[in-house]
Amino acid sequence: MTSNEIQVTIPPNLEPVYSNMIQIAYKEDEFTFMFLHQIPGINQARGKAVVSISPTHAKNLLEVLQRTVGEYEQKFRPLEASKEKAQNVTSMTGYS
């Protein structure tokens, strides 16, 4: 194992979750991602996971996500961003 590698242990009972909607909140010292599943045809969403990270980790996540989406597009196909405001992402600032 190199100095940049870490061993990751995933508990056998850890269930994957599906999310088609996200709310992002932030304050000075953290970003919080609330992953939701919006039920089609009903004005309702269920919380699936909440993840809080530091602002530095949020910036790193943005960079890794941009790189990974670029790799995906090279391997499979270009993705088209919606011309409208992101429908399934809401942002909240200064939450407590």
N, C-alpha and C. Protein backbone atom coordinates (compact mmCIF):
# COMPACT_ATOMS: atom_id res chain seq x y z
N MET A 1 0.84 -1.17 0.00
CA MET A 1 0.00 0.00 0.00
C MET A 1 0.89 1.24 0.00
N THR A 2 0.62 2.20 -0.90
CA THR A 2 1.40 3.44 -0.94
C THR A 2 0.93 4.38 0.15
N SER A 3 1.68 5.45 0.36
CA SER A 3 1.32 6.40 1.42
C SER A 3 0.02 7.14 1.10
N ASN A 4 -0.42 7.16 -0.17
CA ASN A 4 -1.67 7.83 -0.54
C ASN A 4 -2.88 6.90 -0.49
N GLU A 5 -2.67 5.63 -0.25
CA GLU A 5 -3.76 4.67 -0.22
C GLU A 5 -4.20 4.42 1.21
N ILE A 6 -5.48 4.21 1.38
CA ILE A 6 -5.99 3.83 2.68
C ILE A 6 -6.83 2.57 2.52
N GLN A 7 -6.91 1.80 3.56
CA GLN A 7 -7.76 0.62 3.55
C GLN A 7 -9.15 1.04 3.99
N VAL A 8 -10.16 0.72 3.19
CA VAL A 8 -11.53 1.07 3.49
C VAL A 8 -12.29 -0.19 3.88
N THR A 9 -12.97 -0.13 5.00
CA THR A 9 -13.80 -1.25 5.44
C THR A 9 -15.26 -0.82 5.37
N ILE A 10 -16.05 -1.55 4.60
CA ILE A 10 -17.47 -1.26 4.48
C ILE A 10 -18.23 -2.34 5.25
N PRO A 11 -19.00 -1.95 6.25
CA PRO A 11 -19.75 -2.95 7.02
C PRO A 11 -20.68 -3.76 6.09
N PRO A 12 -20.79 -5.05 6.33
CA PRO A 12 -21.61 -5.89 5.45
C PRO A 12 -23.10 -5.52 5.47
N ASN A 13 -23.56 -4.85 6.52
CA ASN A 13 -24.97 -4.47 6.60
C ASN A 13 -25.24 -3.06 6.07
N LEU A 14 -24.24 -2.42 5.48
CA LEU A 14 -24.43 -1.07 4.93
C LEU A 14 -25.21 -1.17 3.63
N GLU A 15 -26.40 -0.58 3.61
CA GLU A 15 -27.28 -0.66 2.45
C GLU A 15 -27.04 0.55 1.53
N PRO A 16 -26.95 0.33 0.22
CA PRO A 16 -26.88 1.46 -0.69
C PRO A 16 -28.23 2.17 -0.73
N VAL A 17 -28.21 3.46 -1.00
CA VAL A 17 -29.45 4.23 -1.10
C VAL A 17 -29.51 4.92 -2.46
N TYR A 18 -30.73 5.16 -2.94
CA TYR A 18 -30.94 5.88 -4.19
C TYR A 18 -31.51 7.24 -3.85
N SER A 19 -30.98 8.27 -4.48
CA SER A 19 -31.45 9.64 -4.27
C SER A 19 -31.64 10.31 -5.62
N ASN A 20 -32.78 10.96 -5.81
CA ASN A 20 -33.01 11.72 -7.03
C ASN A 20 -33.23 13.20 -6.74
N MET A 21 -32.93 13.59 -5.51
CA MET A 21 -33.09 14.98 -5.09
C MET A 21 -32.11 15.25 -3.96
N ILE A 22 -31.60 16.47 -3.90
CA ILE A 22 -30.66 16.80 -2.84
C ILE A 22 -30.91 18.22 -2.36
N GLN A 23 -30.77 18.42 -1.07
CA GLN A 23 -30.76 19.76 -0.49
C GLN A 23 -29.37 19.97 0.09
N ILE A 24 -28.82 21.13 -0.18
CA ILE A 24 -27.48 21.45 0.31
C ILE A 24 -27.58 22.67 1.20
N ALA A 25 -27.11 22.54 2.41
CA ALA A 25 -27.10 23.65 3.36
C ALA A 25 -25.66 23.90 3.77
N TYR A 26 -25.37 25.14 4.10
CA TYR A 26 -24.02 25.42 4.57
C TYR A 26 -24.03 26.54 5.58
N LYS A 27 -23.01 26.50 6.39
CA LYS A 27 -22.71 27.58 7.33
C LYS A 27 -21.20 27.71 7.33
N GLU A 28 -20.67 28.55 8.15
CA GLU A 28 -19.25 28.87 8.09
C GLU A 28 -18.34 27.65 8.17
N ASP A 29 -18.70 26.68 8.99
CA ASP A 29 -17.77 25.58 9.24
C ASP A 29 -18.19 24.22 8.66
N GLU A 30 -19.30 24.16 7.88
CA GLU A 30 -19.67 22.87 7.30
C GLU A 30 -20.68 23.01 6.16
N PHE A 31 -20.66 22.02 5.30
CA PHE A 31 -21.67 21.83 4.26
C PHE A 31 -22.44 20.58 4.65
N THR A 32 -23.75 20.62 4.52
CA THR A 32 -24.58 19.45 4.82
C THR A 32 -25.38 19.09 3.57
N PHE A 33 -25.27 17.83 3.16
CA PHE A 33 -25.97 17.30 2.00
C PHE A 33 -27.08 16.40 2.50
N MET A 34 -28.31 16.73 2.15
CA MET A 34 -29.46 15.92 2.53
C MET A 34 -29.95 15.22 1.26
N PHE A 35 -29.68 13.93 1.17
CA PHE A 35 -30.06 13.14 0.00
C PHE A 35 -31.48 12.65 0.20
N LEU A 36 -32.34 12.93 -0.78
CA LEU A 36 -33.76 12.63 -0.69
C LEU A 36 -34.20 11.77 -1.86
N HIS A 37 -35.31 11.08 -1.70
CA HIS A 37 -35.95 10.37 -2.80
C HIS A 37 -37.32 10.98 -2.98
N GLN A 38 -37.48 11.70 -4.11
CA GLN A 38 -38.77 12.32 -4.42
C GLN A 38 -39.67 11.27 -5.06
N ILE A 39 -40.84 11.11 -4.52
CA ILE A 39 -41.77 10.11 -5.01
C ILE A 39 -42.50 10.69 -6.22
N PRO A 40 -42.41 10.03 -7.39
CA PRO A 40 -43.04 10.56 -8.60
C PRO A 40 -44.55 10.75 -8.43
N GLY A 41 -45.05 11.88 -8.95
CA GLY A 41 -46.47 12.16 -8.94
C GLY A 41 -47.03 12.63 -7.61
N ILE A 42 -46.20 12.70 -6.60
CA ILE A 42 -46.65 13.14 -5.27
C ILE A 42 -45.69 14.24 -4.81
N ASN A 43 -46.22 15.26 -4.22
CA ASN A 43 -45.40 16.36 -3.72
C ASN A 43 -44.80 15.97 -2.37
N GLN A 44 -43.94 14.96 -2.41
CA GLN A 44 -43.36 14.43 -1.17
C GLN A 44 -41.99 13.83 -1.47
N ALA A 45 -41.08 13.97 -0.53
CA ALA A 45 -39.76 13.36 -0.64
C ALA A 45 -39.41 12.72 0.70
N ARG A 46 -38.65 11.64 0.65
CA ARG A 46 -38.20 10.96 1.86
C ARG A 46 -36.70 11.13 2.02
N GLY A 47 -36.28 11.45 3.23
CA GLY A 47 -34.86 11.54 3.52
C GLY A 47 -34.21 10.18 3.45
N LYS A 48 -33.06 10.10 2.80
CA LYS A 48 -32.33 8.85 2.68
C LYS A 48 -31.00 8.88 3.43
N ALA A 49 -30.33 10.04 3.41
CA ALA A 49 -29.04 10.15 4.10
C ALA A 49 -28.72 11.63 4.31
N VAL A 50 -28.01 11.91 5.37
CA VAL A 50 -27.52 13.26 5.65
C VAL A 50 -26.02 13.14 5.87
N VAL A 51 -25.25 13.94 5.11
CA VAL A 51 -23.79 13.90 5.20
C VAL A 51 -23.28 15.33 5.40
N SER A 52 -22.49 15.54 6.44
CA SER A 52 -21.88 16.85 6.69
C SER A 52 -20.38 16.74 6.49
N ILE A 53 -19.81 17.74 5.81
CA ILE A 53 -18.37 17.78 5.55
C ILE A 53 -17.86 19.20 5.74
N SER A 54 -16.56 19.32 5.88
CA SER A 54 -15.95 20.64 6.05
C SER A 54 -15.96 21.39 4.71
N PRO A 55 -15.85 22.72 4.74
CA PRO A 55 -15.78 23.47 3.49
C PRO A 55 -14.63 23.02 2.59
N THR A 56 -13.49 22.67 3.17
CA THR A 56 -12.35 22.19 2.38
C THR A 56 -12.70 20.88 1.68
N HIS A 57 -13.36 19.99 2.39
CA HIS A 57 -13.78 18.73 1.77
C HIS A 57 -14.82 18.98 0.68
N ALA A 58 -15.70 19.97 0.87
CA ALA A 58 -16.69 20.31 -0.15
C ALA A 58 -15.99 20.77 -1.43
N LYS A 59 -14.96 21.58 -1.28
CA LYS A 59 -14.19 22.05 -2.45
C LYS A 59 -13.50 20.87 -3.13
N ASN A 60 -12.92 19.98 -2.35
CA ASN A 60 -12.28 18.78 -2.91
C ASN A 60 -13.31 17.90 -3.62
N LEU A 61 -14.50 17.75 -3.03
CA LEU A 61 -15.57 16.97 -3.65
C LEU A 61 -15.95 17.56 -5.00
N LEU A 62 -16.06 18.87 -5.07
CA LEU A 62 -16.38 19.54 -6.34
C LEU A 62 -15.34 19.21 -7.41
N GLU A 63 -14.07 19.30 -7.06
CA GLU A 63 -13.00 19.01 -8.02
C GLU A 63 -13.02 17.55 -8.47
N VAL A 64 -13.20 16.64 -7.52
CA VAL A 64 -13.22 15.21 -7.87
C VAL A 64 -14.45 14.89 -8.71
N LEU A 65 -15.60 15.48 -8.38
CA LEU A 65 -16.81 15.24 -9.14
C LEU A 65 -16.68 15.76 -10.57
N GLN A 66 -16.09 16.96 -10.75
CA GLN A 66 -15.86 17.49 -12.09
C GLN A 66 -14.96 16.56 -12.91
N ARG A 67 -13.89 16.10 -12.30
CA ARG A 67 -12.97 15.19 -12.99
C ARG A 67 -13.65 13.87 -13.34
N THR A 68 -14.40 13.32 -12.40
CA THR A 68 -15.06 12.04 -12.60
C THR A 68 -16.14 12.13 -13.68
N VAL A 69 -16.91 13.21 -13.69
CA VAL A 69 -17.92 13.39 -14.73
C VAL A 69 -17.24 13.52 -16.10
N GLY A 70 -16.12 14.21 -16.16
CA GLY A 70 -15.35 14.30 -17.41
C GLY A 70 -14.90 12.94 -17.90
N GLU A 71 -14.42 12.10 -16.98
CA GLU A 71 -14.00 10.75 -17.35
C GLU A 71 -15.19 9.93 -17.84
N TYR A 72 -16.32 10.07 -17.18
CA TYR A 72 -17.54 9.38 -17.60
C TYR A 72 -17.91 9.78 -19.03
N GLU A 73 -17.88 11.09 -19.29
CA GLU A 73 -18.26 11.59 -20.62
C GLU A 73 -17.31 11.08 -21.70
N GLN A 74 -16.03 10.98 -21.39
CA GLN A 74 -15.09 10.45 -22.36
C GLN A 74 -15.34 8.98 -22.63
N LYS A 75 -15.72 8.24 -21.61
CA LYS A 75 -15.92 6.80 -21.76
C LYS A 75 -17.28 6.46 -22.38
N PHE A 76 -18.34 7.20 -22.01
CA PHE A 76 -19.68 6.84 -22.44
C PHE A 76 -20.28 7.85 -23.42
N ARG A 77 -20.60 9.04 -22.95
CA ARG A 77 -21.23 10.05 -23.80
C ARG A 77 -21.25 11.38 -23.06
N PRO A 78 -21.29 12.47 -23.82
CA PRO A 78 -21.41 13.78 -23.16
C PRO A 78 -22.77 13.91 -22.47
N LEU A 79 -22.78 14.57 -21.35
CA LEU A 79 -24.01 14.83 -20.61
C LEU A 79 -24.44 16.27 -20.87
N GLU A 80 -25.72 16.47 -21.02
CA GLU A 80 -26.26 17.81 -21.23
C GLU A 80 -26.78 18.34 -19.90
N ALA A 81 -26.30 19.51 -19.52
CA ALA A 81 -26.83 20.15 -18.32
C ALA A 81 -28.16 20.79 -18.67
N SER A 82 -29.06 20.79 -17.71
CA SER A 82 -30.37 21.40 -17.92
C SER A 82 -30.20 22.89 -18.15
N LYS A 83 -30.95 23.43 -19.11
CA LYS A 83 -30.91 24.87 -19.37
C LYS A 83 -31.61 25.65 -18.26
N GLU A 84 -32.50 24.99 -17.55
CA GLU A 84 -33.21 25.60 -16.44
C GLU A 84 -32.40 25.43 -15.16
N LYS A 85 -32.80 26.16 -14.13
CA LYS A 85 -32.18 25.98 -12.82
C LYS A 85 -32.35 24.53 -12.39
N ALA A 86 -31.36 23.98 -11.75
CA ALA A 86 -31.43 22.59 -11.30
C ALA A 86 -32.74 22.36 -10.55
N GLN A 87 -33.53 21.43 -11.04
CA GLN A 87 -34.85 21.17 -10.48
C GLN A 87 -34.79 20.44 -9.15
N ASN A 88 -33.83 19.58 -8.98
CA ASN A 88 -33.83 18.72 -7.80
C ASN A 88 -32.71 19.03 -6.83
N VAL A 89 -32.23 20.28 -6.84
CA VAL A 89 -31.22 20.71 -5.89
C VAL A 89 -31.70 22.02 -5.29
N THR A 90 -31.75 22.08 -3.97
CA THR A 90 -32.06 23.35 -3.31
C THR A 90 -30.92 23.67 -2.36
N SER A 91 -30.66 24.93 -2.17
CA SER A 91 -29.58 25.36 -1.30
C SER A 91 -30.14 26.23 -0.19
N MET A 92 -29.67 26.00 1.03
CA MET A 92 -30.09 26.78 2.18
C MET A 92 -28.84 27.34 2.84
N THR A 93 -28.86 28.60 3.15
CA THR A 93 -27.70 29.21 3.79
C THR A 93 -28.00 29.58 5.24
N GLY A 94 -26.96 29.61 6.03
CA GLY A 94 -27.06 30.09 7.39
C GLY A 94 -28.02 29.31 8.27
N TYR A 95 -28.15 28.02 8.00
CA TYR A 95 -29.04 27.23 8.83
C TYR A 95 -28.44 27.07 10.21
N SER A 96 -29.23 26.64 11.16
CA SER A 96 -28.69 26.45 12.52
C SER A 96 -28.91 25.04 12.99
